């Protein structure tokens, strides 16, 4: 799977490929990070990223898969982007306006 391909696969196919390849989640996270670095300056789609969290979760998931654990949550490991209107504890959520640019919610907005 190429880096660009990893960014465009449907979640179901991404899950199937990565689990079949014994957990290449780190590669998927790096593919998405590289694409974000290339594209975001032009589109300004991301105001906050949590790539460090994604990398840590990818390493942990790879460990679970290497340990033979196959009964994992359905979407475990599928990268996602959230609109800056969903509060995630510890992650800056601005809701768009500059006046809330430093908001760090303490509750989960689900």
PDB file of N, CA and C in Angstrom:
ATOM      1  N   UNK A   1       0.863  -1.174   0.000  1.00  0.00           N
ATOM      2  CA  UNK A   1       0.000   0.000   0.000  1.00  0.00           C
ATOM      3  C   UNK A   1       0.904   1.230   0.000  1.00  0.00           C
ATOM      4  N   UNK A   2       0.664   2.120  -0.933  1.00  0.00           N
ATOM      5  CA  UNK A   2       1.455   3.342  -1.013  1.00  0.00           C
ATOM      6  C   UNK A   2       0.944   4.369  -0.013  1.00  0.00           C
ATOM      7  N   UNK A   3       1.744   5.388   0.239  1.00  0.00           N
ATOM      8  CA  UNK A   3       1.317   6.441   1.169  1.00  0.00           C
ATOM      9  C   UNK A   3       0.054   7.128   0.700  1.00  0.00           C
ATOM     10  N   UNK A   4       0.016   7.502  -0.579  1.00  0.00           N
ATOM     11  CA  UNK A   4      -1.179   8.182  -1.076  1.00  0.00           C
ATOM     12  C   UNK A   4      -2.393   7.265  -1.049  1.00  0.00           C
ATOM     13  N   UNK A   5      -2.185   5.996  -1.359  1.00  0.00           N
ATOM     14  CA  UNK A   5      -3.288   5.037  -1.352  1.00  0.00           C
ATOM     15  C   UNK A   5      -3.894   4.923   0.048  1.00  0.00           C
ATOM     16  N   UNK A   6      -3.065   4.925   1.068  1.00  0.00           N
ATOM     17  CA  UNK A   6      -3.551   4.804   2.442  1.00  0.00           C
ATOM     18  C   UNK A   6      -4.488   5.945   2.817  1.00  0.00           C
ATOM     19  N   UNK A   7      -4.313   7.098   2.200  1.00  0.00           N
ATOM     20  CA  UNK A   7      -5.144   8.264   2.517  1.00  0.00           C
ATOM     21  C   UNK A   7      -6.512   8.218   1.850  1.00  0.00           C
ATOM     22  N   UNK A   8      -6.706   7.368   0.869  1.00  0.00           N
ATOM     23  CA  UNK A   8      -7.943   7.364   0.101  1.00  0.00           C
ATOM     24  C   UNK A   8      -8.762   6.088   0.252  1.00  0.00           C
ATOM     25  N   UNK A   9      -8.260   5.100   0.947  1.00  0.00           N
ATOM     26  CA  UNK A   9      -8.997   3.839   1.074  1.00  0.00           C
ATOM     27  C   UNK A   9     -10.217   3.999   1.973  1.00  0.00           C
ATOM     28  N   UNK A  10     -11.309   3.312   1.650  1.00  0.00           N
ATOM     29  CA  UNK A  10     -12.445   3.280   2.580  1.00  0.00           C
ATOM     30  C   UNK A  10     -12.003   2.600   3.879  1.00  0.00           C
ATOM     31  N   UNK A  11     -12.615   2.963   4.985  1.00  0.00           N
ATOM     32  CA  UNK A  11     -12.223   2.428   6.295  1.00  0.00           C
ATOM     33  C   UNK A  11     -12.243   0.904   6.320  1.00  0.00           C
ATOM     34  N   UNK A  12     -13.247   0.292   5.692  1.00  0.00           N
ATOM     35  CA  UNK A  12     -13.339  -1.173   5.722  1.00  0.00           C
ATOM     36  C   UNK A  12     -12.145  -1.814   5.018  1.00  0.00           C
ATOM     37  N   UNK A  13     -11.750  -1.271   3.874  1.00  0.00           N
ATOM     38  CA  UNK A  13     -10.612  -1.823   3.151  1.00  0.00           C
ATOM     39  C   UNK A  13      -9.300  -1.536   3.882  1.00  0.00           C
ATOM     40  N   UNK A  14      -9.190  -0.354   4.470  1.00  0.00           N
ATOM     41  CA  UNK A  14      -8.002  -0.006   5.239  1.00  0.00           C
ATOM     42  C   UNK A  14      -7.830  -0.988   6.401  1.00  0.00           C
ATOM     43  N   UNK A  15      -8.911  -1.251   7.124  1.00  0.00           N
ATOM     44  CA  UNK A  15      -8.865  -2.207   8.227  1.00  0.00           C
ATOM     45  C   UNK A  15      -8.416  -3.586   7.745  1.00  0.00           C
ATOM     46  N   UNK A  16      -9.016  -4.048   6.673  1.00  0.00           N
ATOM     47  CA  UNK A  16      -8.694  -5.370   6.145  1.00  0.00           C
ATOM     48  C   UNK A  16      -7.218  -5.461   5.763  1.00  0.00           C
ATOM     49  N   UNK A  17      -6.723  -4.476   5.030  1.00  0.00           N
ATOM     50  CA  UNK A  17      -5.326  -4.497   4.577  1.00  0.00           C
ATOM     51  C   UNK A  17      -4.350  -4.426   5.740  1.00  0.00           C
ATOM     52  N   UNK A  18      -4.583  -3.516   6.660  1.00  0.00           N
ATOM     53  CA  UNK A  18      -3.630  -3.330   7.744  1.00  0.00           C
ATOM     54  C   UNK A  18      -3.625  -4.536   8.663  1.00  0.00           C
ATOM     55  N   UNK A  19      -4.780  -5.090   8.955  1.00  0.00           N
ATOM     56  CA  UNK A  19      -4.806  -6.284   9.818  1.00  0.00           C
ATOM     57  C   UNK A  19      -4.190  -7.479   9.111  1.00  0.00           C
ATOM     58  N   UNK A  20      -4.372  -7.578   7.816  1.00  0.00           N
ATOM     59  CA  UNK A  20      -3.766  -8.667   7.043  1.00  0.00           C
ATOM     60  C   UNK A  20      -2.248  -8.515   7.007  1.00  0.00           C
ATOM     61  N   UNK A  21      -1.771  -7.280   6.970  1.00  0.00           N
ATOM     62  CA  UNK A  21      -0.340  -7.008   6.927  1.00  0.00           C
ATOM     63  C   UNK A  21       0.253  -6.938   8.329  1.00  0.00           C
ATOM     64  N   UNK A  22      -0.464  -7.468   9.300  1.00  0.00           N
ATOM     65  CA  UNK A  22      -0.003  -7.550  10.679  1.00  0.00           C
ATOM     66  C   UNK A  22       0.290  -6.191  11.301  1.00  0.00           C
ATOM     67  N   UNK A  23      -0.566  -5.247  11.060  1.00  0.00           N
ATOM     68  CA  UNK A  23      -0.522  -3.990  11.792  1.00  0.00           C
ATOM     69  C   UNK A  23       0.420  -2.940  11.276  1.00  0.00           C
ATOM     70  N   UNK A  24       0.150  -2.399  10.118  1.00  0.00           N
ATOM     71  CA  UNK A  24       0.965  -1.324   9.559  1.00  0.00           C
ATOM     72  C   UNK A  24       0.356   0.031   9.909  1.00  0.00           C
ATOM     73  N   UNK A  25      -0.214   0.153  11.094  1.00  0.00           N
ATOM     74  CA  UNK A  25      -0.899   1.389  11.467  1.00  0.00           C
ATOM     75  C   UNK A  25       0.035   2.578  11.501  1.00  0.00           C
ATOM     76  N   UNK A  26       1.276   2.354  11.923  1.00  0.00           N
ATOM     77  CA  UNK A  26       2.228   3.469  11.959  1.00  0.00           C
ATOM     78  C   UNK A  26       2.400   4.058  10.565  1.00  0.00           C
ATOM     79  N   UNK A  27       2.438   3.205   9.554  1.00  0.00           N
ATOM     80  CA  UNK A  27       2.585   3.671   8.175  1.00  0.00           C
ATOM     81  C   UNK A  27       1.380   4.508   7.741  1.00  0.00           C
ATOM     82  N   UNK A  28       0.201   4.100   8.167  1.00  0.00           N
ATOM     83  CA  UNK A  28      -1.016   4.839   7.821  1.00  0.00           C
ATOM     84  C   UNK A  28      -0.986   6.228   8.464  1.00  0.00           C
ATOM     85  N   UNK A  29      -0.615   6.285   9.737  1.00  0.00           N
ATOM     86  CA  UNK A  29      -0.540   7.579  10.425  1.00  0.00           C
ATOM     87  C   UNK A  29       0.487   8.481   9.742  1.00  0.00           C
ATOM     88  N   UNK A  30       1.638   7.935   9.377  1.00  0.00           N
ATOM     89  CA  UNK A  30       2.662   8.743   8.718  1.00  0.00           C
ATOM     90  C   UNK A  30       2.211   9.197   7.331  1.00  0.00           C
ATOM     91  N   UNK A  31       1.455   8.362   6.633  1.00  0.00           N
ATOM     92  CA  UNK A  31       0.926   8.751   5.317  1.00  0.00           C
ATOM     93  C   UNK A  31      -0.021   9.935   5.460  1.00  0.00           C
ATOM     94  N   UNK A  32      -0.877   9.879   6.448  1.00  0.00           N
ATOM     95  CA  UNK A  32      -1.834  10.961   6.674  1.00  0.00           C
ATOM     96  C   UNK A  32      -1.105  12.224   7.125  1.00  0.00           C
ATOM     97  N   UNK A  33      -0.102  12.068   7.981  1.00  0.00           N
ATOM     98  CA  UNK A  33       0.681  13.226   8.437  1.00  0.00           C
ATOM     99  C   UNK A  33       1.399  13.891   7.263  1.00  0.00           C
ATOM    100  N   UNK A  34       1.968  13.087   6.375  1.00  0.00           N
ATOM    101  CA  UNK A  34       2.676  13.641   5.215  1.00  0.00           C
ATOM    102  C   UNK A  34       1.711  14.369   4.285  1.00  0.00           C
ATOM    103  N   UNK A  35       0.545  13.794   4.072  1.00  0.00           N
ATOM    104  CA  UNK A  35      -0.446  14.456   3.209  1.00  0.00           C
ATOM    105  C   UNK A  35      -0.915  15.765   3.833  1.00  0.00           C
ATOM    106  N   UNK A  36      -1.141  15.758   5.132  1.00  0.00           N
ATOM    107  CA  UNK A  36      -1.559  16.979   5.819  1.00  0.00           C
ATOM    108  C   UNK A  36      -0.497  18.064   5.656  1.00  0.00           C
ATOM    109  N   UNK A  37       0.771  17.702   5.793  1.00  0.00           N
ATOM    110  CA  UNK A  37       1.840  18.686   5.636  1.00  0.00           C
ATOM    111  C   UNK A  37       1.877  19.259   4.220  1.00  0.00           C
ATOM    112  N   UNK A  38       1.581  18.417   3.220  1.00  0.00           N
ATOM    113  CA  UNK A  38       1.602  18.885   1.828  1.00  0.00           C
ATOM    114  C   UNK A  38       0.400  19.750   1.494  1.00  0.00           C
ATOM    115  N   UNK A  39      -0.770  19.383   1.974  1.00  0.00           N
ATOM    116  CA  UNK A  39      -2.024  19.998   1.529  1.00  0.00           C
ATOM    117  C   UNK A  39      -2.511  21.126   2.438  1.00  0.00           C
ATOM    118  N   UNK A  40      -2.298  21.015   3.730  1.00  0.00           N
ATOM    119  CA  UNK A  40      -2.900  21.967   4.657  1.00  0.00           C
ATOM    120  C   UNK A  40      -2.489  23.423   4.438  1.00  0.00           C
ATOM    121  N   UNK A  41      -1.260  23.725   4.044  1.00  0.00           N
ATOM    122  CA  UNK A  41      -0.950  25.145   3.812  1.00  0.00           C
ATOM    123  C   UNK A  41      -1.871  25.799   2.778  1.00  0.00           C
ATOM    124  N   UNK A  42      -2.334  25.038   1.808  1.00  0.00           N
ATOM    125  CA  UNK A  42      -3.204  25.597   0.765  1.00  0.00           C
ATOM    126  C   UNK A  42      -4.669  25.632   1.183  1.00  0.00           C
ATOM    127  N   UNK A  43      -5.107  24.651   1.959  1.00  0.00           N
ATOM    128  CA  UNK A  43      -6.539  24.564   2.280  1.00  0.00           C
ATOM    129  C   UNK A  43      -6.868  24.996   3.706  1.00  0.00           C
ATOM    130  N   UNK A  44      -5.868  25.047   4.576  1.00  0.00           N
ATOM    131  CA  UNK A  44      -6.063  25.451   5.965  1.00  0.00           C
ATOM    132  C   UNK A  44      -7.215  24.688   6.625  1.00  0.00           C
ATOM    133  N   UNK A  45      -7.192  23.376   6.505  1.00  0.00           N
ATOM    134  CA  UNK A  45      -8.277  22.547   7.037  1.00  0.00           C
ATOM    135  C   UNK A  45      -8.063  22.147   8.496  1.00  0.00           C
ATOM    136  N   UNK A  46      -6.820  22.109   8.942  1.00  0.00           N
ATOM    137  CA  UNK A  46      -6.533  21.660  10.305  1.00  0.00           C
ATOM    138  C   UNK A  46      -6.010  22.809  11.136  1.00  0.00           C
ATOM    139  N   UNK A  47      -6.648  23.059  12.285  1.00  0.00           N
ATOM    140  CA  UNK A  47      -6.133  24.078  13.188  1.00  0.00           C
ATOM    141  C   UNK A  47      -5.440  23.432  14.384  1.00  0.00           C
ATOM    142  N   UNK A  48      -5.787  22.199  14.690  1.00  0.00           N
ATOM    143  CA  UNK A  48      -5.161  21.463  15.786  1.00  0.00           C
ATOM    144  C   UNK A  48      -4.970  20.027  15.336  1.00  0.00           C
ATOM    145  N   UNK A  49      -3.781  19.485  15.536  1.00  0.00           N
ATOM    146  CA  UNK A  49      -3.552  18.077  15.225  1.00  0.00           C
ATOM    147  C   UNK A  49      -3.072  17.362  16.481  1.00  0.00           C
ATOM    148  N   UNK A  50      -3.326  16.082  16.532  1.00  0.00           N
ATOM    149  CA  UNK A  50      -2.883  15.250  17.649  1.00  0.00           C
ATOM    150  C   UNK A  50      -2.105  14.055  17.094  1.00  0.00           C
ATOM    151  N   UNK A  51      -1.132  14.351  16.244  1.00  0.00           N
ATOM    152  CA  UNK A  51      -0.352  13.283  15.622  1.00  0.00           C
ATOM    153  C   UNK A  51       0.438  12.481  16.640  1.00  0.00           C
ATOM    154  N   UNK A  52       0.879  13.116  17.724  1.00  0.00           N
ATOM    155  CA  UNK A  52       1.599  12.369  18.751  1.00  0.00           C
ATOM    156  C   UNK A  52       0.699  11.307  19.382  1.00  0.00           C
ATOM    157  N   UNK A  53      -0.560  11.658  19.601  1.00  0.00           N
ATOM    158  CA  UNK A  53      -1.523  10.697  20.142  1.00  0.00           C
ATOM    159  C   UNK A  53      -1.790   9.586  19.130  1.00  0.00           C
ATOM    160  N   UNK A  54      -1.978   9.958  17.867  1.00  0.00           N
ATOM    161  CA  UNK A  54      -2.226   8.970  16.815  1.00  0.00           C
ATOM    162  C   UNK A  54      -1.053   8.001  16.688  1.00  0.00           C
ATOM    163  N   UNK A  55       0.174   8.520  16.755  1.00  0.00           N
ATOM    164  CA  UNK A  55       1.356   7.655  16.658  1.00  0.00           C
ATOM    165  C   UNK A  55       1.425   6.686  17.839  1.00  0.00           C
ATOM    166  N   UNK A  56       1.158   7.176  19.032  1.00  0.00           N
ATOM    167  CA  UNK A  56       1.180   6.319  20.222  1.00  0.00           C
ATOM    168  C   UNK A  56       0.099   5.245  20.142  1.00  0.00           C
ATOM    169  N   UNK A  57      -1.088   5.627  19.684  1.00  0.00           N
ATOM    170  CA  UNK A  57      -2.173   4.655  19.550  1.00  0.00           C
ATOM    171  C   UNK A  57      -1.857   3.622  18.474  1.00  0.00           C
ATOM    172  N   UNK A  58      -1.212   4.050  17.395  1.00  0.00           N
ATOM    173  CA  UNK A  58      -0.835   3.125  16.324  1.00  0.00           C
ATOM    174  C   UNK A  58       0.181   2.104  16.834  1.00  0.00           C
ATOM    175  N   UNK A  59       1.160   2.568  17.614  1.00  0.00           N
ATOM    176  CA  UNK A  59       2.153   1.640  18.184  1.00  0.00           C
ATOM    177  C   UNK A  59       1.486   0.646  19.120  1.00  0.00           C
ATOM    178  N   UNK A  60       0.563   1.134  19.951  1.00  0.00           N
ATOM    179  CA  UNK A  60      -0.129   0.256  20.890  1.00  0.00           C
ATOM    180  C   UNK A  60      -0.965  -0.782  20.149  1.00  0.00           C
ATOM    181  N   UNK A  61      -1.665  -0.352  19.112  1.00  0.00           N
ATOM    182  CA  UNK A  61      -2.493  -1.271  18.337  1.00  0.00           C
ATOM    183  C   UNK A  61      -1.635  -2.318  17.640  1.00  0.00           C
ATOM    184  N   UNK A  62      -0.505  -1.888  17.092  1.00  0.00           N
ATOM    185  CA  UNK A  62       0.418  -2.828  16.449  1.00  0.00           C
ATOM    186  C   UNK A  62       0.859  -3.884  17.458  1.00  0.00           C
ATOM    187  N   UNK A  63       1.123  -3.458  18.684  1.00  0.00           N
ATOM    188  CA  UNK A  63       1.499  -4.404  19.738  1.00  0.00           C
ATOM    189  C   UNK A  63       0.408  -5.415  20.027  1.00  0.00           C
ATOM    190  N   UNK A  64      -0.840  -4.961  20.057  1.00  0.00           N
ATOM    191  CA  UNK A  64      -1.966  -5.874  20.298  1.00  0.00           C
ATOM    192  C   UNK A  64      -2.078  -6.892  19.166  1.00  0.00           C
ATOM    193  N   UNK A  65      -1.910  -6.419  17.943  1.00  0.00           N
ATOM    194  CA  UNK A  65      -2.028  -7.317  16.791  1.00  0.00           C
ATOM    195  C   UNK A  65      -0.877  -8.317  16.783  1.00  0.00           C
ATOM    196  N   UNK A  66       0.352  -7.858  17.075  1.00  0.00           N
ATOM    197  CA  UNK A  66       1.512  -8.759  17.117  1.00  0.00           C
ATOM    198  C   UNK A  66       1.359  -9.799  18.212  1.00  0.00           C
ATOM    199  N   UNK A  67       0.653  -9.434  19.289  1.00  0.00           N
ATOM    200  CA  UNK A  67       0.432 -10.363  20.396  1.00  0.00           C
ATOM    201  C   UNK A  67      -0.662 -11.375  20.071  1.00  0.00           C
ATOM    202  N   UNK A  68      -1.238 -11.261  18.881  1.00  0.00           N
ATOM    203  CA  UNK A  68      -2.252 -12.229  18.465  1.00  0.00           C
ATOM    204  C   UNK A  68      -3.670 -11.841  18.796  1.00  0.00           C
ATOM    205  N   UNK A  69      -3.868 -10.665  19.338  1.00  0.00           N
ATOM    206  CA  UNK A  69      -5.220 -10.224  19.657  1.00  0.00           C
ATOM    207  C   UNK A  69      -5.940  -9.876  18.361  1.00  0.00           C
ATOM    208  N   UNK A  70      -7.022 -10.526  18.094  1.00  0.00           N
ATOM    209  CA  UNK A  70      -7.770 -10.270  16.857  1.00  0.00           C
ATOM    210  C   UNK A  70      -9.177  -9.737  17.136  1.00  0.00           C
ATOM    211  N   UNK A  71      -9.612  -9.839  18.369  1.00  0.00           N
ATOM    212  CA  UNK A  71     -10.951  -9.371  18.728  1.00  0.00           C
ATOM    213  C   UNK A  71     -10.859  -7.916  19.195  1.00  0.00           C
ATOM    214  N   UNK A  72     -10.558  -7.039  18.242  1.00  0.00           N
ATOM    215  CA  UNK A  72     -10.385  -5.622  18.541  1.00  0.00           C
ATOM    216  C   UNK A  72     -11.656  -4.858  18.185  1.00  0.00           C
ATOM    217  N   UNK A  73     -11.880  -3.697  18.792  1.00  0.00           N
ATOM    218  CA  UNK A  73     -13.038  -2.892  18.415  1.00  0.00           C
ATOM    219  C   UNK A  73     -13.050  -2.646  16.905  1.00  0.00           C
ATOM    220  N   UNK A  74     -14.227  -2.591  16.323  1.00  0.00           N
ATOM    221  CA  UNK A  74     -14.396  -2.557  14.875  1.00  0.00           C
ATOM    222  C   UNK A  74     -13.555  -1.506  14.166  1.00  0.00           C
ATOM    223  N   UNK A  75     -13.556  -0.283  14.644  1.00  0.00           N
ATOM    224  CA  UNK A  75     -12.835   0.792  13.960  1.00  0.00           C
ATOM    225  C   UNK A  75     -11.520   1.155  14.647  1.00  0.00           C
ATOM    226  N   UNK A  76     -11.035   0.287  15.516  1.00  0.00           N
ATOM    227  CA  UNK A  76      -9.794   0.559  16.230  1.00  0.00           C
ATOM    228  C   UNK A  76      -8.650   0.761  15.250  1.00  0.00           C
ATOM    229  N   UNK A  77      -8.058   1.940  15.277  1.00  0.00           N
ATOM    230  CA  UNK A  77      -6.928   2.243  14.424  1.00  0.00           C
ATOM    231  C   UNK A  77      -7.248   3.056  13.189  1.00  0.00           C
ATOM    232  N   UNK A  78      -8.517   3.218  12.871  1.00  0.00           N
ATOM    233  CA  UNK A  78      -8.859   3.996  11.682  1.00  0.00           C
ATOM    234  C   UNK A  78      -8.714   5.478  12.016  1.00  0.00           C
ATOM    235  N   UNK A  79      -7.813   6.181  11.335  1.00  0.00           N
ATOM    236  CA  UNK A  79      -7.635   7.606  11.604  1.00  0.00           C
ATOM    237  C   UNK A  79      -8.901   8.391  11.259  1.00  0.00           C
ATOM    238  N   UNK A  80      -9.135   9.439  12.015  1.00  0.00           N
ATOM    239  CA  UNK A  80     -10.318  10.267  11.777  1.00  0.00           C
ATOM    240  C   UNK A  80      -9.972  11.728  12.007  1.00  0.00           C
ATOM    241  N   UNK A  81     -10.688  12.582  11.344  1.00  0.00           N
ATOM    242  CA  UNK A  81     -10.580  14.027  11.558  1.00  0.00           C
ATOM    243  C   UNK A  81     -11.910  14.507  12.097  1.00  0.00           C
ATOM    244  N   UNK A  82     -11.848  15.359  13.089  1.00  0.00           N
ATOM    245  CA  UNK A  82     -13.065  15.912  13.680  1.00  0.00           C
ATOM    246  C   UNK A  82     -13.133  17.403  13.411  1.00  0.00           C
ATOM    247  N   UNK A  83     -14.331  17.857  13.127  1.00  0.00           N
ATOM    248  CA  UNK A  83     -14.544  19.297  12.959  1.00  0.00           C
ATOM    249  C   UNK A  83     -14.255  19.978  14.292  1.00  0.00           C
ATOM    250  N   UNK A  84     -13.761  21.166  14.243  1.00  0.00           N
ATOM    251  CA  UNK A  84     -13.376  21.902  15.449  1.00  0.00           C
ATOM    252  C   UNK A  84     -14.612  22.411  16.203  1.00  0.00           C
ATOM    253  N   UNK A  85     -15.577  21.576  16.343  1.00  0.00           N
ATOM    254  CA  UNK A  85     -16.780  21.892  17.120  1.00  0.00           C
ATOM    255  C   UNK A  85     -17.090  20.786  18.115  1.00  0.00           C
ATOM    256  N   UNK A  86     -16.270  19.732  18.109  1.00  0.00           N
ATOM    257  CA  UNK A  86     -16.460  18.613  19.021  1.00  0.00           C
ATOM    258  C   UNK A  86     -15.401  18.679  20.107  1.00  0.00           C
ATOM    259  N   UNK A  87     -15.846  18.793  21.336  1.00  0.00           N
ATOM    260  CA  UNK A  87     -14.910  18.917  22.442  1.00  0.00           C
ATOM    261  C   UNK A  87     -14.285  17.569  22.774  1.00  0.00           C
ATOM    262  N   UNK A  88     -12.973  17.577  22.875  1.00  0.00           N
ATOM    263  CA  UNK A  88     -12.211  16.402  23.286  1.00  0.00           C
ATOM    264  C   UNK A  88     -11.325  16.870  24.428  1.00  0.00           C
ATOM    265  N   UNK A  89     -11.447  16.261  25.618  1.00  0.00           N
ATOM    266  CA  UNK A  89     -10.646  16.717  26.756  1.00  0.00           C
ATOM    267  C   UNK A  89      -9.157  16.773  26.423  1.00  0.00           C
ATOM    268  N   UNK A  90      -8.529  17.902  26.753  1.00  0.00           N
ATOM    269  CA  UNK A  90      -7.107  18.067  26.541  1.00  0.00           C
ATOM    270  C   UNK A  90      -6.702  18.503  25.140  1.00  0.00           C
ATOM    271  N   UNK A  91      -7.682  18.634  24.232  1.00  0.00           N
ATOM    272  CA  UNK A  91      -7.381  19.049  22.858  1.00  0.00           C
ATOM    273  C   UNK A  91      -8.050  20.392  22.610  1.00  0.00           C
ATOM    274  N   UNK A  92      -7.266  21.333  22.123  1.00  0.00           N
ATOM    275  CA  UNK A  92      -7.793  22.673  21.853  1.00  0.00           C
ATOM    276  C   UNK A  92      -8.992  22.589  20.911  1.00  0.00           C
ATOM    277  N   UNK A  93     -10.080  23.229  21.298  1.00  0.00           N
ATOM    278  CA  UNK A  93     -11.292  23.288  20.478  1.00  0.00           C
ATOM    279  C   UNK A  93     -11.693  24.754  20.364  1.00  0.00           C
ATOM    280  N   UNK A  94     -11.618  25.304  19.164  1.00  0.00           N
ATOM    281  CA  UNK A  94     -11.838  26.752  19.017  1.00  0.00           C
ATOM    282  C   UNK A  94     -13.248  27.131  18.592  1.00  0.00           C
ATOM    283  N   UNK A  95     -13.977  26.234  18.001  1.00  0.00           N
ATOM    284  CA  UNK A  95     -15.293  26.521  17.421  1.00  0.00           C
ATOM    285  C   UNK A  95     -15.211  27.592  16.338  1.00  0.00           C
ATOM    286  N   UNK A  96     -14.022  27.903  15.858  1.00  0.00           N
ATOM    287  CA  UNK A  96     -13.862  28.857  14.763  1.00  0.00           C
ATOM    288  C   UNK A  96     -13.397  30.247  15.151  1.00  0.00           C
ATOM    289  N   UNK A  97     -14.092  30.977  16.034  1.00  0.00           N
ATOM    290  CA  UNK A  97     -13.711  32.363  16.286  1.00  0.00           C
ATOM    291  C   UNK A  97     -12.392  32.502  17.051  1.00  0.00           C
ATOM    292  N   UNK A  98     -11.688  33.586  16.811  1.00  0.00           N
ATOM    293  CA  UNK A  98     -10.405  33.834  17.480  1.00  0.00           C
ATOM    294  C   UNK A  98     -10.567  33.972  18.986  1.00  0.00           C
ATOM    295  N   UNK A  99     -11.744  34.429  19.442  1.00  0.00           N
ATOM    296  CA  UNK A  99     -11.935  34.663  20.876  1.00  0.00           C
ATOM    297  C   UNK A  99     -11.862  33.366  21.694  1.00  0.00           C
ATOM    298  N   UNK A 100     -12.144  32.233  21.039  1.00  0.00           N
ATOM    299  CA  UNK A 100     -12.079  30.942  21.733  1.00  0.00           C
ATOM    300  C   UNK A 100     -10.878  30.120  21.281  1.00  0.00           C
ATOM    301  N   UNK A 101      -9.869  30.770  20.705  1.00  0.00           N
ATOM    302  CA  UNK A 101      -8.719  30.073  20.119  1.00  0.00           C
ATOM    303  C   UNK A 101      -7.930  29.236  21.116  1.00  0.00           C
ATOM    304  N   UNK A 102      -7.985  29.568  22.389  1.00  0.00           N
ATOM    305  CA  UNK A 102      -7.213  28.817  23.380  1.00  0.00           C
ATOM    306  C   UNK A 102      -8.076  27.914  24.250  1.00  0.00           C
ATOM    307  N   UNK A 103      -9.308  27.659  23.835  1.00  0.00           N
ATOM    308  CA  UNK A 103     -10.193  26.822  24.627  1.00  0.00           C
ATOM    309  C   UNK A 103      -9.664  25.404  24.726  1.00  0.00           C
ATOM    310  N   UNK A 104      -9.555  24.905  25.931  1.00  0.00           N
ATOM    311  CA  UNK A 104      -9.156  23.522  26.170  1.00  0.00           C
ATOM    312  C   UNK A 104     -10.226  22.858  27.015  1.00  0.00           C
ATOM    313  N   UNK A 105     -11.180  22.164  26.399  1.00  0.00           N
ATOM    314  CA  UNK A 105     -12.308  21.614  27.136  1.00  0.00           C
ATOM    315  C   UNK A 105     -11.886  20.556  28.150  1.00  0.00           C
ATOM    316  N   UNK A 106     -12.643  20.469  29.206  1.00  0.00           N
ATOM    317  CA  UNK A 106     -12.391  19.445  30.219  1.00  0.00           C
ATOM    318  C   UNK A 106     -13.451  18.355  30.153  1.00  0.00           C
ATOM    319  N   UNK A 107     -14.418  18.502  29.274  1.00  0.00           N
ATOM    320  CA  UNK A 107     -15.474  17.504  29.119  1.00  0.00           C
ATOM    321  C   UNK A 107     -15.449  16.940  27.710  1.00  0.00           C
ATOM    322  N   UNK A 108     -16.060  15.790  27.557  1.00  0.00           N
ATOM    323  CA  UNK A 108     -16.162  15.156  26.250  1.00  0.00           C
ATOM    324  C   UNK A 108     -17.459  15.616  25.608  1.00  0.00           C
ATOM    325  N   UNK A 109     -17.369  16.148  24.391  1.00  0.00           N
ATOM    326  CA  UNK A 109     -18.531  16.728  23.719  1.00  0.00           C
ATOM    327  C   UNK A 109     -19.472  15.727  23.074  1.00  0.00           C
ATOM    328  N   UNK A 110     -19.274  14.447  23.306  1.00  0.00           N
ATOM    329  CA  UNK A 110     -20.165  13.461  22.680  1.00  0.00           C
ATOM    330  C   UNK A 110     -21.516  13.568  23.245  1.00  0.00           C
TER     331      UNK A 110
END
